[in-house]
Amino acid sequence: MHSHQDDGNELFLENPDSNISRVKNRVLNGGDHIPQDDIIRRYYRSKNMFWNIYKDIVDSWSLYYNSDDIFEKIGNNDKILDEEKYKKFIGDIKCN
């Protein structure tokens, strides 16, 4: 019998404006346009869903900051590695 472990990862950017800029750059390179209102809504919805739903249904989770074109691990279910960026992530989350 095999045991199975579910891991959850969340990537986040500094703010919705960072997402908007990335989408604009993708459009310039042939990517699809996404309305700004949708980008902003998805930014906050993704953070809220991860925090209020997904992290609680996986065996372990990790949080990564991706505004600097690198994946920087901010923390996981056991330890927060960068308190400042962690606070940026949770700062605008609406807890259930």
N, C-alpha and C. Protein backbone atom coordinates (compact mmCIF):
# COMPACT_ATOMS: atom_id res chain seq x y z
N MET A 1 0.84 -1.17 0.00
CA MET A 1 0.00 0.00 0.00
C MET A 1 0.89 1.24 0.00
N HIS A 2 0.55 2.22 -0.86
CA HIS A 2 1.30 3.47 -0.96
C HIS A 2 0.60 4.56 -0.19
N SER A 3 1.39 5.35 0.52
CA SER A 3 0.79 6.52 1.17
C SER A 3 0.91 7.69 0.19
N HIS A 4 0.00 8.60 0.31
CA HIS A 4 -0.02 9.73 -0.61
C HIS A 4 -0.01 11.01 0.21
N GLN A 5 0.79 11.96 -0.21
CA GLN A 5 0.83 13.25 0.47
C GLN A 5 0.52 14.34 -0.53
N ASP A 6 -0.38 15.24 -0.13
CA ASP A 6 -0.72 16.38 -0.97
C ASP A 6 0.03 17.60 -0.48
N ASP A 7 0.74 18.24 -1.41
CA ASP A 7 1.48 19.46 -1.10
C ASP A 7 0.84 20.62 -1.85
N GLY A 8 0.78 21.77 -1.23
CA GLY A 8 0.24 22.96 -1.86
C GLY A 8 1.29 24.05 -1.92
N ASN A 9 1.36 24.72 -3.06
CA ASN A 9 2.29 25.83 -3.24
C ASN A 9 1.52 27.04 -3.73
N GLU A 10 1.86 28.20 -3.21
CA GLU A 10 1.25 29.45 -3.64
C GLU A 10 2.35 30.41 -4.02
N LEU A 11 2.24 30.97 -5.22
CA LEU A 11 3.15 32.00 -5.70
C LEU A 11 2.42 33.32 -5.62
N PHE A 12 3.10 34.36 -5.17
CA PHE A 12 2.43 35.66 -5.16
C PHE A 12 3.39 36.76 -5.57
N LEU A 13 2.80 37.83 -6.09
CA LEU A 13 3.54 39.02 -6.47
C LEU A 13 3.27 40.12 -5.45
N GLU A 14 4.05 41.17 -5.56
CA GLU A 14 3.96 42.30 -4.64
C GLU A 14 2.53 42.85 -4.51
N ASN A 15 1.88 43.04 -5.64
CA ASN A 15 0.56 43.64 -5.66
C ASN A 15 -0.10 43.39 -7.02
N PRO A 16 -1.37 43.75 -7.18
CA PRO A 16 -2.03 43.51 -8.48
C PRO A 16 -1.37 44.25 -9.63
N ASP A 17 -0.77 45.40 -9.36
CA ASP A 17 -0.11 46.15 -10.44
C ASP A 17 1.03 45.34 -11.06
N SER A 18 1.71 44.54 -10.26
CA SER A 18 2.76 43.67 -10.80
C SER A 18 2.17 42.66 -11.78
N ASN A 19 1.00 42.12 -11.43
CA ASN A 19 0.33 41.18 -12.33
C ASN A 19 -0.08 41.87 -13.62
N ILE A 20 -0.62 43.09 -13.50
CA ILE A 20 -1.06 43.85 -14.67
C ILE A 20 0.12 44.09 -15.61
N SER A 21 1.26 44.47 -15.05
CA SER A 21 2.47 44.70 -15.87
C SER A 21 2.91 43.44 -16.59
N ARG A 22 2.87 42.32 -15.90
CA ARG A 22 3.27 41.05 -16.53
C ARG A 22 2.34 40.68 -17.67
N VAL A 23 1.04 40.90 -17.47
CA VAL A 23 0.09 40.59 -18.55
C VAL A 23 0.34 41.51 -19.74
N LYS A 24 0.59 42.79 -19.51
CA LYS A 24 0.88 43.73 -20.62
C LYS A 24 2.09 43.25 -21.41
N ASN A 25 3.13 42.80 -20.70
CA ASN A 25 4.32 42.30 -21.40
C ASN A 25 4.01 41.05 -22.21
N ARG A 26 3.18 40.17 -21.68
CA ARG A 26 2.81 38.96 -22.41
C ARG A 26 2.01 39.31 -23.67
N VAL A 27 1.13 40.30 -23.55
CA VAL A 27 0.33 40.72 -24.71
C VAL A 27 1.25 41.24 -25.80
N LEU A 28 2.26 42.01 -25.42
CA LEU A 28 3.22 42.52 -26.41
C LEU A 28 3.96 41.38 -27.12
N ASN A 29 4.04 40.23 -26.48
CA ASN A 29 4.70 39.07 -27.06
C ASN A 29 3.71 38.06 -27.63
N GLY A 30 2.48 38.52 -27.89
CA GLY A 30 1.50 37.65 -28.53
C GLY A 30 0.53 36.96 -27.60
N GLY A 31 0.62 37.22 -26.31
CA GLY A 31 -0.28 36.57 -25.34
C GLY A 31 -1.66 37.20 -25.35
N ASP A 32 -2.58 36.57 -24.66
CA ASP A 32 -3.96 37.04 -24.58
C ASP A 32 -4.10 38.20 -23.61
N HIS A 33 -4.97 39.14 -23.98
CA HIS A 33 -5.30 40.27 -23.11
C HIS A 33 -6.27 39.79 -22.02
N ILE A 34 -6.06 40.27 -20.80
CA ILE A 34 -6.96 40.01 -19.69
C ILE A 34 -7.33 41.36 -19.10
N PRO A 35 -8.62 41.66 -18.97
CA PRO A 35 -9.02 42.96 -18.42
C PRO A 35 -8.44 43.19 -17.02
N GLN A 36 -8.06 44.44 -16.74
CA GLN A 36 -7.45 44.77 -15.45
C GLN A 36 -8.34 44.40 -14.27
N ASP A 37 -9.64 44.61 -14.40
CA ASP A 37 -10.55 44.25 -13.31
C ASP A 37 -10.46 42.76 -12.98
N ASP A 38 -10.32 41.93 -14.02
CA ASP A 38 -10.20 40.48 -13.80
C ASP A 38 -8.88 40.14 -13.10
N ILE A 39 -7.81 40.81 -13.51
CA ILE A 39 -6.50 40.55 -12.90
C ILE A 39 -6.54 40.90 -11.42
N ILE A 40 -7.10 42.04 -11.10
CA ILE A 40 -7.18 42.48 -9.70
C ILE A 40 -8.05 41.52 -8.89
N ARG A 41 -9.21 41.16 -9.43
CA ARG A 41 -10.11 40.24 -8.73
C ARG A 41 -9.43 38.90 -8.49
N ARG A 42 -8.76 38.38 -9.50
CA ARG A 42 -8.08 37.08 -9.39
C ARG A 42 -6.92 37.13 -8.40
N TYR A 43 -6.22 38.25 -8.35
CA TYR A 43 -5.09 38.42 -7.42
C TYR A 43 -5.57 38.19 -5.98
N TYR A 44 -6.61 38.92 -5.60
CA TYR A 44 -7.11 38.81 -4.23
C TYR A 44 -7.83 37.49 -3.98
N ARG A 45 -8.57 37.01 -4.97
CA ARG A 45 -9.28 35.75 -4.81
C ARG A 45 -8.30 34.60 -4.61
N SER A 46 -7.22 34.59 -5.37
CA SER A 46 -6.21 33.53 -5.25
C SER A 46 -5.60 33.52 -3.85
N LYS A 47 -5.22 34.68 -3.35
CA LYS A 47 -4.64 34.74 -2.01
C LYS A 47 -5.62 34.27 -0.96
N ASN A 48 -6.86 34.73 -1.05
CA ASN A 48 -7.88 34.35 -0.07
C ASN A 48 -8.20 32.86 -0.13
N MET A 49 -8.29 32.32 -1.32
CA MET A 49 -8.60 30.89 -1.45
C MET A 49 -7.46 30.03 -0.90
N PHE A 50 -6.23 30.42 -1.21
CA PHE A 50 -5.10 29.66 -0.66
C PHE A 50 -5.15 29.68 0.86
N TRP A 51 -5.29 30.87 1.46
CA TRP A 51 -5.20 31.02 2.90
C TRP A 51 -6.38 30.40 3.63
N ASN A 52 -7.57 30.56 3.08
CA ASN A 52 -8.79 30.14 3.79
C ASN A 52 -9.27 28.73 3.44
N ILE A 53 -8.75 28.16 2.34
CA ILE A 53 -9.22 26.84 1.93
C ILE A 53 -8.05 25.87 1.71
N TYR A 54 -7.23 26.15 0.70
CA TYR A 54 -6.26 25.17 0.24
C TYR A 54 -5.22 24.78 1.27
N LYS A 55 -4.68 25.74 2.01
CA LYS A 55 -3.60 25.39 2.97
C LYS A 55 -4.10 24.44 4.05
N ASP A 56 -5.41 24.45 4.29
CA ASP A 56 -5.97 23.60 5.33
C ASP A 56 -6.34 22.20 4.86
N ILE A 57 -6.31 21.97 3.56
CA ILE A 57 -6.70 20.65 3.06
C ILE A 57 -5.52 19.87 2.48
N VAL A 58 -4.33 20.44 2.55
CA VAL A 58 -3.14 19.73 2.09
C VAL A 58 -2.31 19.30 3.29
N ASP A 59 -1.44 18.35 3.09
CA ASP A 59 -0.58 17.87 4.16
C ASP A 59 0.52 18.87 4.50
N SER A 60 0.99 19.58 3.49
CA SER A 60 2.00 20.61 3.72
C SER A 60 1.85 21.68 2.63
N TRP A 61 2.28 22.89 2.94
CA TRP A 61 2.19 23.98 1.98
C TRP A 61 3.44 24.85 2.06
N SER A 62 3.70 25.54 0.95
CA SER A 62 4.80 26.49 0.88
C SER A 62 4.32 27.75 0.17
N LEU A 63 4.90 28.87 0.56
CA LEU A 63 4.54 30.17 0.02
C LEU A 63 5.78 30.77 -0.63
N TYR A 64 5.64 31.20 -1.89
CA TYR A 64 6.76 31.75 -2.65
C TYR A 64 6.44 33.16 -3.15
N TYR A 65 7.41 34.04 -3.02
CA TYR A 65 7.32 35.41 -3.53
C TYR A 65 7.97 35.41 -4.90
N ASN A 66 7.30 36.04 -5.89
CA ASN A 66 7.80 35.96 -7.26
C ASN A 66 7.84 37.32 -7.95
N SER A 67 7.93 38.42 -7.22
CA SER A 67 7.95 39.75 -7.85
C SER A 67 9.32 40.11 -8.41
N ASP A 68 10.35 39.44 -7.98
CA ASP A 68 11.72 39.78 -8.41
C ASP A 68 12.25 38.84 -9.49
N ASP A 69 11.36 38.21 -10.25
CA ASP A 69 11.74 37.28 -11.32
C ASP A 69 12.48 36.04 -10.81
N ILE A 70 12.42 35.79 -9.52
CA ILE A 70 12.93 34.55 -8.95
C ILE A 70 11.87 34.02 -7.99
N PHE A 71 11.94 32.77 -7.69
CA PHE A 71 11.04 32.18 -6.71
C PHE A 71 11.74 32.19 -5.36
N GLU A 72 11.25 33.02 -4.45
CA GLU A 72 11.84 33.11 -3.12
C GLU A 72 10.88 32.49 -2.11
N LYS A 73 11.31 31.43 -1.46
CA LYS A 73 10.46 30.77 -0.48
C LYS A 73 10.32 31.65 0.75
N ILE A 74 9.08 31.98 1.08
CA ILE A 74 8.78 32.86 2.20
C ILE A 74 8.47 32.06 3.46
N GLY A 75 7.91 30.89 3.28
CA GLY A 75 7.59 30.06 4.43
C GLY A 75 6.83 28.83 4.04
N ASN A 76 6.47 28.06 5.05
CA ASN A 76 5.66 26.86 4.85
C ASN A 76 4.83 26.62 6.10
N ASN A 77 4.16 25.50 6.14
CA ASN A 77 3.29 25.21 7.29
C ASN A 77 4.07 25.06 8.59
N ASP A 78 5.38 24.89 8.54
CA ASP A 78 6.19 24.73 9.74
C ASP A 78 6.92 25.99 10.19
N LYS A 79 7.26 26.88 9.22
CA LYS A 79 8.14 27.99 9.57
C LYS A 79 7.99 29.15 8.59
N ILE A 80 8.02 30.37 9.11
CA ILE A 80 8.04 31.56 8.27
C ILE A 80 9.51 31.96 8.11
N LEU A 81 9.95 32.10 6.86
CA LEU A 81 11.35 32.40 6.57
C LEU A 81 11.61 33.89 6.38
N ASP A 82 10.62 34.62 5.89
CA ASP A 82 10.75 36.07 5.66
C ASP A 82 9.49 36.74 6.20
N GLU A 83 9.60 37.24 7.41
CA GLU A 83 8.44 37.82 8.11
C GLU A 83 7.85 39.01 7.36
N GLU A 84 8.69 39.86 6.79
CA GLU A 84 8.21 41.06 6.09
C GLU A 84 7.35 40.69 4.86
N LYS A 85 7.84 39.78 4.05
CA LYS A 85 7.09 39.39 2.86
C LYS A 85 5.86 38.55 3.22
N TYR A 86 5.97 37.78 4.27
CA TYR A 86 4.82 37.02 4.77
C TYR A 86 3.70 37.98 5.18
N LYS A 87 4.05 39.05 5.88
CA LYS A 87 3.06 40.04 6.28
C LYS A 87 2.44 40.73 5.07
N LYS A 88 3.22 40.94 4.01
CA LYS A 88 2.66 41.50 2.76
C LYS A 88 1.61 40.56 2.18
N PHE A 89 1.90 39.28 2.24
CA PHE A 89 0.96 38.31 1.68
C PHE A 89 -0.34 38.28 2.47
N ILE A 90 -0.26 38.19 3.78
CA ILE A 90 -1.48 38.03 4.57
C ILE A 90 -2.17 39.36 4.89
N GLY A 91 -1.51 40.48 4.59
CA GLY A 91 -2.02 41.80 4.97
C GLY A 91 -3.42 42.12 4.46
N ASP A 92 -3.76 41.67 3.29
CA ASP A 92 -5.08 42.02 2.73
C ASP A 92 -6.00 40.81 2.57
N ILE A 93 -5.68 39.74 3.29
CA ILE A 93 -6.52 38.54 3.22
C ILE A 93 -7.70 38.69 4.17
N LYS A 94 -8.85 38.31 3.67
CA LYS A 94 -10.06 38.31 4.50
C LYS A 94 -10.22 36.91 5.07
N CYS A 95 -10.02 36.79 6.37
CA CYS A 95 -10.12 35.49 7.02
C CYS A 95 -11.58 35.09 7.20
N ASN A 96 -11.84 33.80 6.97
CA ASN A 96 -13.20 33.29 7.15
C ASN A 96 -13.46 32.97 8.60
